[in-house]
Amino acid sequence: MSEVKVSEVVAAPAAKVWELLGDFGGVMKWSGPMMQSCTLEGEGVGAVRRIGLTGGLEISERCEAYDAAKRSLSYSIIGKSPLPLRDYFSTVTVTETGANECRVEWNGRFEPAGVPEEQAQGMVRGIYTGGIAAVKKQLGG
């Protein structure tokens, strides 16, 4: 099992950052150019979001755990994925560190599928750092 951990400080209130990252079906509010669409089926734990990617690819993710009080969301990739990963499970957590500052921790575990581990880790790390950068940009930070 391979693992990637990204931890970054964001110069914005934790509640504002969580409003974006904690909205399982709302990734289009902050996502980068790779994401073209997102549809949500269901709500809360067990909900499935289908994300349309550039090139007509689609990825399906299921909400596995949600804790608004701890600002923590876990999800997994289900079904066939266009990404070279198997058994993907990820958790994003937003922790308040000050009135206008928080820490975003985004961790993922997976098995590389058909690519070297370093390549799979780099791709996942890029998704996490890109997501955090997009949230910072959305919040003007």
N, C-alpha and C. Protein backbone atom coordinates (compact mmCIF):
# COMPACT_ATOMS: atom_id res chain seq x y z
N MET A 1 0.85 -1.18 0.00
CA MET A 1 0.00 0.00 0.00
C MET A 1 0.89 1.24 0.00
N SER A 2 0.63 2.13 -0.91
CA SER A 2 1.37 3.37 -1.03
C SER A 2 0.59 4.47 -0.31
N GLU A 3 1.30 5.49 0.15
CA GLU A 3 0.64 6.55 0.90
C GLU A 3 1.21 7.91 0.51
N VAL A 4 0.35 8.91 0.45
CA VAL A 4 0.74 10.28 0.19
C VAL A 4 0.09 11.16 1.25
N LYS A 5 0.90 12.05 1.85
CA LYS A 5 0.38 12.99 2.84
C LYS A 5 0.80 14.39 2.44
N VAL A 6 -0.17 15.30 2.39
CA VAL A 6 0.10 16.70 2.11
C VAL A 6 -0.50 17.50 3.25
N SER A 7 0.30 18.44 3.78
CA SER A 7 -0.16 19.30 4.87
C SER A 7 0.27 20.73 4.56
N GLU A 8 -0.70 21.62 4.46
CA GLU A 8 -0.40 23.01 4.11
C GLU A 8 -1.21 23.97 4.96
N VAL A 9 -0.60 25.11 5.26
CA VAL A 9 -1.29 26.18 5.97
C VAL A 9 -2.02 27.03 4.93
N VAL A 10 -3.27 27.39 5.26
CA VAL A 10 -4.07 28.25 4.39
C VAL A 10 -4.43 29.50 5.19
N ALA A 11 -4.19 30.67 4.60
CA ALA A 11 -4.46 31.94 5.27
C ALA A 11 -5.93 32.32 5.07
N ALA A 12 -6.80 31.55 5.70
CA ALA A 12 -8.25 31.78 5.64
C ALA A 12 -8.88 31.07 6.83
N PRO A 13 -10.04 31.55 7.29
CA PRO A 13 -10.70 30.87 8.42
C PRO A 13 -11.02 29.41 8.08
N ALA A 14 -10.85 28.54 9.05
CA ALA A 14 -11.12 27.11 8.85
C ALA A 14 -12.54 26.88 8.35
N ALA A 15 -13.50 27.63 8.86
CA ALA A 15 -14.90 27.44 8.46
C ALA A 15 -15.08 27.71 6.97
N LYS A 16 -14.39 28.72 6.43
CA LYS A 16 -14.50 29.04 5.00
C LYS A 16 -13.85 27.96 4.14
N VAL A 17 -12.71 27.47 4.57
CA VAL A 17 -12.01 26.42 3.83
C VAL A 17 -12.84 25.14 3.85
N TRP A 18 -13.40 24.81 5.01
CA TRP A 18 -14.23 23.61 5.15
C TRP A 18 -15.49 23.71 4.30
N GLU A 19 -16.05 24.94 4.19
CA GLU A 19 -17.23 25.16 3.36
C GLU A 19 -16.98 24.65 1.94
N LEU A 20 -15.76 24.83 1.45
CA LEU A 20 -15.41 24.37 0.11
C LEU A 20 -15.02 22.89 0.10
N LEU A 21 -14.02 22.52 0.90
CA LEU A 21 -13.51 21.15 0.87
C LEU A 21 -14.49 20.13 1.45
N GLY A 22 -15.34 20.56 2.36
CA GLY A 22 -16.29 19.65 3.00
C GLY A 22 -17.56 19.42 2.20
N ASP A 23 -17.72 20.16 1.11
CA ASP A 23 -18.91 20.01 0.25
C ASP A 23 -18.60 18.92 -0.77
N PHE A 24 -18.96 17.68 -0.45
CA PHE A 24 -18.59 16.53 -1.27
C PHE A 24 -19.02 16.67 -2.73
N GLY A 25 -20.19 17.21 -2.96
CA GLY A 25 -20.67 17.37 -4.33
C GLY A 25 -20.31 18.70 -4.96
N GLY A 26 -19.58 19.54 -4.23
CA GLY A 26 -19.30 20.90 -4.69
C GLY A 26 -17.90 21.14 -5.22
N VAL A 27 -17.22 20.11 -5.71
CA VAL A 27 -15.83 20.27 -6.15
C VAL A 27 -15.69 21.27 -7.30
N MET A 28 -16.74 21.49 -8.07
CA MET A 28 -16.65 22.43 -9.18
C MET A 28 -16.51 23.87 -8.68
N LYS A 29 -16.83 24.13 -7.43
CA LYS A 29 -16.69 25.48 -6.86
C LYS A 29 -15.23 25.91 -6.77
N TRP A 30 -14.33 24.92 -6.70
CA TRP A 30 -12.92 25.27 -6.51
C TRP A 30 -11.96 24.48 -7.39
N SER A 31 -12.45 23.53 -8.13
CA SER A 31 -11.57 22.62 -8.86
C SER A 31 -10.81 23.32 -9.98
N GLY A 32 -9.79 22.65 -10.44
CA GLY A 32 -8.97 23.16 -11.53
C GLY A 32 -9.56 22.80 -12.88
N PRO A 33 -8.81 23.07 -13.95
CA PRO A 33 -9.31 22.88 -15.31
C PRO A 33 -9.48 21.42 -15.73
N MET A 34 -8.92 20.48 -14.97
CA MET A 34 -9.06 19.07 -15.32
C MET A 34 -10.49 18.57 -15.12
N MET A 35 -11.21 19.17 -14.18
CA MET A 35 -12.58 18.74 -13.89
C MET A 35 -13.55 19.53 -14.75
N GLN A 36 -14.40 18.81 -15.48
CA GLN A 36 -15.37 19.43 -16.37
C GLN A 36 -16.78 19.46 -15.79
N SER A 37 -17.08 18.48 -14.92
CA SER A 37 -18.44 18.40 -14.37
C SER A 37 -18.42 17.54 -13.11
N CYS A 38 -19.48 17.66 -12.32
CA CYS A 38 -19.64 16.81 -11.14
C CYS A 38 -21.13 16.64 -10.88
N THR A 39 -21.56 15.38 -10.80
CA THR A 39 -22.94 15.10 -10.41
C THR A 39 -22.91 14.29 -9.12
N LEU A 40 -23.88 14.52 -8.28
CA LEU A 40 -23.94 13.86 -6.98
C LEU A 40 -25.20 13.01 -6.89
N GLU A 41 -25.03 11.77 -6.43
CA GLU A 41 -26.15 10.87 -6.19
C GLU A 41 -26.19 10.57 -4.70
N GLY A 42 -27.30 10.88 -4.05
CA GLY A 42 -27.43 10.66 -2.62
C GLY A 42 -26.85 11.81 -1.83
N GLU A 43 -26.79 11.62 -0.51
CA GLU A 43 -26.20 12.65 0.35
C GLU A 43 -25.57 12.00 1.56
N GLY A 44 -24.61 12.71 2.16
CA GLY A 44 -23.92 12.19 3.34
C GLY A 44 -23.08 10.96 3.02
N VAL A 45 -22.81 10.17 4.05
CA VAL A 45 -22.01 8.96 3.86
C VAL A 45 -22.75 8.03 2.90
N GLY A 46 -22.04 7.52 1.91
CA GLY A 46 -22.63 6.66 0.90
C GLY A 46 -22.95 7.39 -0.40
N ALA A 47 -22.96 8.73 -0.36
CA ALA A 47 -23.21 9.51 -1.59
C ALA A 47 -22.09 9.22 -2.59
N VAL A 48 -22.43 9.30 -3.86
CA VAL A 48 -21.45 9.06 -4.93
C VAL A 48 -21.39 10.30 -5.82
N ARG A 49 -20.17 10.81 -6.04
CA ARG A 49 -20.00 11.89 -6.99
C ARG A 49 -19.30 11.33 -8.23
N ARG A 50 -19.80 11.76 -9.39
CA ARG A 50 -19.20 11.37 -10.66
C ARG A 50 -18.57 12.62 -11.25
N ILE A 51 -17.26 12.58 -11.38
CA ILE A 51 -16.52 13.74 -11.86
C ILE A 51 -16.11 13.51 -13.31
N GLY A 52 -16.56 14.41 -14.17
CA GLY A 52 -16.18 14.36 -15.58
C GLY A 52 -14.86 15.08 -15.75
N LEU A 53 -13.88 14.39 -16.32
CA LEU A 53 -12.55 14.94 -16.54
C LEU A 53 -12.35 15.32 -18.00
N THR A 54 -11.33 16.13 -18.28
CA THR A 54 -11.04 16.46 -19.67
C THR A 54 -10.76 15.18 -20.45
N GLY A 55 -11.08 15.21 -21.72
CA GLY A 55 -10.87 14.03 -22.56
C GLY A 55 -12.00 13.02 -22.46
N GLY A 56 -13.12 13.40 -21.81
CA GLY A 56 -14.27 12.51 -21.73
C GLY A 56 -14.15 11.41 -20.69
N LEU A 57 -13.13 11.47 -19.83
CA LEU A 57 -12.96 10.45 -18.79
C LEU A 57 -13.86 10.78 -17.61
N GLU A 58 -14.18 9.75 -16.81
CA GLU A 58 -15.01 9.95 -15.62
C GLU A 58 -14.46 9.14 -14.46
N ILE A 59 -14.55 9.72 -13.28
CA ILE A 59 -14.13 9.02 -12.07
C ILE A 59 -15.28 9.09 -11.07
N SER A 60 -15.54 7.98 -10.39
CA SER A 60 -16.61 7.93 -9.40
C SER A 60 -16.00 7.77 -8.01
N GLU A 61 -16.46 8.60 -7.08
CA GLU A 61 -15.96 8.57 -5.71
C GLU A 61 -17.13 8.49 -4.75
N ARG A 62 -16.96 7.70 -3.69
CA ARG A 62 -18.02 7.52 -2.68
C ARG A 62 -17.57 8.15 -1.36
N CYS A 63 -18.47 8.89 -0.73
CA CYS A 63 -18.20 9.46 0.59
C CYS A 63 -18.23 8.31 1.61
N GLU A 64 -17.11 8.10 2.28
CA GLU A 64 -16.99 6.99 3.24
C GLU A 64 -17.17 7.44 4.69
N ALA A 65 -16.83 8.69 4.99
CA ALA A 65 -16.98 9.22 6.35
C ALA A 65 -17.08 10.73 6.25
N TYR A 66 -17.89 11.32 7.14
CA TYR A 66 -18.07 12.77 7.14
C TYR A 66 -18.28 13.21 8.58
N ASP A 67 -17.45 14.14 9.04
CA ASP A 67 -17.57 14.65 10.40
C ASP A 67 -17.42 16.16 10.36
N ALA A 68 -18.56 16.87 10.34
CA ALA A 68 -18.55 18.32 10.24
C ALA A 68 -17.86 18.96 11.44
N ALA A 69 -18.06 18.40 12.63
CA ALA A 69 -17.46 18.97 13.84
C ALA A 69 -15.93 18.92 13.79
N LYS A 70 -15.40 17.83 13.26
CA LYS A 70 -13.94 17.70 13.14
C LYS A 70 -13.43 18.17 11.78
N ARG A 71 -14.35 18.64 10.94
CA ARG A 71 -14.02 19.08 9.57
C ARG A 71 -13.19 18.03 8.85
N SER A 72 -13.73 16.83 8.77
CA SER A 72 -13.03 15.71 8.14
C SER A 72 -13.96 14.97 7.19
N LEU A 73 -13.42 14.66 6.01
CA LEU A 73 -14.18 13.97 4.96
C LEU A 73 -13.29 12.88 4.37
N SER A 74 -13.82 11.66 4.29
CA SER A 74 -13.09 10.55 3.67
C SER A 74 -13.89 10.04 2.48
N TYR A 75 -13.16 9.65 1.43
CA TYR A 75 -13.82 9.13 0.24
C TYR A 75 -12.93 8.10 -0.44
N SER A 76 -13.55 7.29 -1.29
CA SER A 76 -12.82 6.26 -2.03
C SER A 76 -13.23 6.33 -3.49
N ILE A 77 -12.34 5.84 -4.35
CA ILE A 77 -12.69 5.70 -5.77
C ILE A 77 -13.38 4.36 -5.93
N ILE A 78 -14.52 4.37 -6.62
CA ILE A 78 -15.26 3.12 -6.85
C ILE A 78 -15.34 2.85 -8.35
N GLY A 79 -15.53 1.61 -8.69
CA GLY A 79 -15.65 1.25 -10.09
C GLY A 79 -14.34 1.39 -10.84
N LYS A 80 -14.43 1.42 -12.14
CA LYS A 80 -13.25 1.54 -12.99
C LYS A 80 -12.77 2.99 -12.98
N SER A 81 -11.47 3.17 -12.77
CA SER A 81 -10.91 4.51 -12.69
C SER A 81 -9.96 4.76 -13.85
N PRO A 82 -9.98 5.98 -14.40
CA PRO A 82 -9.00 6.32 -15.44
C PRO A 82 -7.61 6.58 -14.84
N LEU A 83 -7.55 6.69 -13.52
CA LEU A 83 -6.26 6.91 -12.85
C LEU A 83 -5.57 5.58 -12.61
N PRO A 84 -4.25 5.54 -12.65
CA PRO A 84 -3.52 4.28 -12.45
C PRO A 84 -3.41 3.90 -10.96
N LEU A 85 -4.59 3.76 -10.32
CA LEU A 85 -4.65 3.48 -8.89
C LEU A 85 -5.71 2.41 -8.62
N ARG A 86 -5.47 1.61 -7.58
CA ARG A 86 -6.46 0.66 -7.08
C ARG A 86 -6.61 0.87 -5.58
N ASP A 87 -7.75 0.51 -5.05
CA ASP A 87 -8.00 0.57 -3.59
C ASP A 87 -7.68 1.95 -3.02
N TYR A 88 -8.12 2.99 -3.71
CA TYR A 88 -7.83 4.37 -3.30
C TYR A 88 -8.78 4.80 -2.19
N PHE A 89 -8.20 5.36 -1.13
CA PHE A 89 -8.96 5.88 0.01
C PHE A 89 -8.28 7.15 0.47
N SER A 90 -9.04 8.22 0.63
CA SER A 90 -8.45 9.51 0.97
C SER A 90 -9.24 10.22 2.06
N THR A 91 -8.54 11.01 2.86
CA THR A 91 -9.17 11.83 3.90
C THR A 91 -8.61 13.24 3.82
N VAL A 92 -9.51 14.22 3.85
CA VAL A 92 -9.10 15.62 3.92
C VAL A 92 -9.66 16.19 5.22
N THR A 93 -8.78 16.88 5.95
CA THR A 93 -9.15 17.45 7.26
C THR A 93 -8.71 18.91 7.31
N VAL A 94 -9.57 19.77 7.85
CA VAL A 94 -9.26 21.19 8.01
C VAL A 94 -9.23 21.48 9.51
N THR A 95 -8.07 21.97 9.99
CA THR A 95 -7.89 22.25 11.41
C THR A 95 -7.62 23.73 11.62
N GLU A 96 -8.39 24.36 12.49
CA GLU A 96 -8.20 25.78 12.79
C GLU A 96 -6.88 25.97 13.53
N THR A 97 -6.07 26.92 13.08
CA THR A 97 -4.80 27.23 13.76
C THR A 97 -4.76 28.69 14.19
N GLY A 98 -5.77 29.46 13.81
CA GLY A 98 -5.86 30.87 14.19
C GLY A 98 -7.15 31.44 13.63
N ALA A 99 -7.43 32.71 13.93
CA ALA A 99 -8.69 33.31 13.48
C ALA A 99 -8.80 33.32 11.96
N ASN A 100 -7.70 33.57 11.28
CA ASN A 100 -7.70 33.60 9.82
C ASN A 100 -6.66 32.66 9.24
N GLU A 101 -6.51 31.50 9.87
CA GLU A 101 -5.53 30.54 9.40
C GLU A 101 -5.97 29.13 9.78
N CYS A 102 -5.67 28.19 8.90
CA CYS A 102 -5.97 26.79 9.20
C CYS A 102 -4.94 25.91 8.50
N ARG A 103 -4.97 24.64 8.84
CA ARG A 103 -4.10 23.66 8.20
C ARG A 103 -4.99 22.65 7.49
N VAL A 104 -4.68 22.40 6.22
CA VAL A 104 -5.37 21.38 5.45
C VAL A 104 -4.45 20.17 5.36
N GLU A 105 -4.95 19.03 5.81
CA GLU A 105 -4.20 17.78 5.69
C GLU A 105 -4.98 16.87 4.77
N TRP A 106 -4.31 16.41 3.72
CA TRP A 106 -4.95 15.56 2.72
C TRP A 106 -4.09 14.31 2.59
N ASN A 107 -4.63 13.19 2.98
CA ASN A 107 -3.89 11.93 2.99
C ASN A 107 -4.59 10.90 2.11
N GLY A 108 -3.81 10.11 1.41
CA GLY A 108 -4.38 9.08 0.57
C GLY A 108 -3.57 7.79 0.64
N ARG A 109 -4.28 6.66 0.54
CA ARG A 109 -3.66 5.33 0.47
C ARG A 109 -4.18 4.64 -0.77
N PHE A 110 -3.32 3.92 -1.47
CA PHE A 110 -3.72 3.28 -2.72
C PHE A 110 -2.64 2.30 -3.15
N GLU A 111 -3.00 1.50 -4.13
CA GLU A 111 -2.04 0.62 -4.80
C GLU A 111 -1.82 1.17 -6.21
N PRO A 112 -0.57 1.43 -6.61
CA PRO A 112 -0.32 1.84 -7.99
C PRO A 112 -0.76 0.72 -8.94
N ALA A 113 -1.29 1.10 -10.09
CA ALA A 113 -1.77 0.11 -11.06
C ALA A 113 -1.15 0.39 -12.42
N GLY A 114 -0.10 -0.34 -12.74
CA GLY A 114 0.51 -0.23 -14.06
C GLY A 114 1.51 0.89 -14.22
N VAL A 115 1.80 1.61 -13.14
CA VAL A 115 2.83 2.65 -13.18
C VAL A 115 3.73 2.49 -11.96
N PRO A 116 4.96 3.01 -12.01
CA PRO A 116 5.83 2.94 -10.84
C PRO A 116 5.22 3.69 -9.65
N GLU A 117 5.53 3.23 -8.45
CA GLU A 117 4.98 3.84 -7.23
C GLU A 117 5.26 5.34 -7.17
N GLU A 118 6.48 5.75 -7.53
CA GLU A 118 6.84 7.17 -7.47
C GLU A 118 5.95 8.00 -8.39
N GLN A 119 5.62 7.46 -9.55
CA GLN A 119 4.77 8.17 -10.50
C GLN A 119 3.35 8.31 -9.95
N ALA A 120 2.81 7.24 -9.39
CA ALA A 120 1.47 7.28 -8.80
C ALA A 120 1.43 8.26 -7.62
N GLN A 121 2.47 8.22 -6.78
CA GLN A 121 2.52 9.14 -5.64
C GLN A 121 2.59 10.59 -6.11
N GLY A 122 3.39 10.84 -7.14
CA GLY A 122 3.52 12.21 -7.66
C GLY A 122 2.20 12.72 -8.21
N MET A 123 1.45 11.85 -8.88
CA MET A 123 0.16 12.24 -9.43
C MET A 123 -0.81 12.59 -8.31
N VAL A 124 -0.89 11.73 -7.29
CA VAL A 124 -1.80 11.98 -6.17
C VAL A 124 -1.38 13.24 -5.42
N ARG A 125 -0.09 13.40 -5.18
CA ARG A 125 0.40 14.61 -4.50
C ARG A 125 0.01 15.85 -5.29
N GLY A 126 0.10 15.77 -6.61
CA GLY A 126 -0.29 16.90 -7.47
C GLY A 126 -1.77 17.22 -7.36
N ILE A 127 -2.60 16.19 -7.25
CA ILE A 127 -4.04 16.40 -7.08
C ILE A 127 -4.30 17.14 -5.77
N TYR A 128 -3.65 16.71 -4.70
CA TYR A 128 -3.87 17.33 -3.39
C TYR A 128 -3.35 18.76 -3.35
N THR A 129 -2.09 18.97 -3.79
CA THR A 129 -1.53 20.33 -3.74
C THR A 129 -2.29 21.25 -4.70
N GLY A 130 -2.72 20.71 -5.84
CA GLY A 130 -3.52 21.51 -6.78
C GLY A 130 -4.87 21.88 -6.19
N GLY A 131 -5.49 20.95 -5.47
CA GLY A 131 -6.77 21.23 -4.83
C GLY A 131 -6.64 22.30 -3.76
N ILE A 132 -5.59 22.21 -2.95
CA ILE A 132 -5.38 23.21 -1.90
C ILE A 132 -5.07 24.57 -2.52
N ALA A 133 -4.26 24.59 -3.58
CA ALA A 133 -3.95 25.85 -4.27
C ALA A 133 -5.21 26.47 -4.85
N ALA A 134 -6.12 25.65 -5.39
CA ALA A 134 -7.36 26.15 -5.96
C ALA A 134 -8.25 26.74 -4.87
N VAL A 135 -8.28 26.12 -3.70
CA VAL A 135 -9.06 26.66 -2.58
C VAL A 135 -8.48 27.99 -2.13
N LYS A 136 -7.15 28.05 -2.03
CA LYS A 136 -6.49 29.32 -1.66
C LYS A 136 -6.87 30.42 -2.64
N LYS A 137 -6.82 30.10 -3.93
CA LYS A 137 -7.14 31.08 -4.97
C LYS A 137 -8.60 31.53 -4.85
N GLN A 138 -9.50 30.57 -4.63
CA GLN A 138 -10.93 30.87 -4.51
C GLN A 138 -11.19 31.82 -3.33
N LEU A 139 -10.43 31.65 -2.26
CA LEU A 139 -10.61 32.46 -1.04
C LEU A 139 -9.72 33.70 -1.04
N GLY A 140 -9.02 33.92 -2.14
CA GLY A 140 -8.19 35.11 -2.26
C GLY A 140 -6.92 35.08 -1.45
N GLY A 141 -6.44 33.83 -1.12
CA GLY A 141 -5.25 33.73 -0.28
C GLY A 141 -4.00 33.36 -0.98
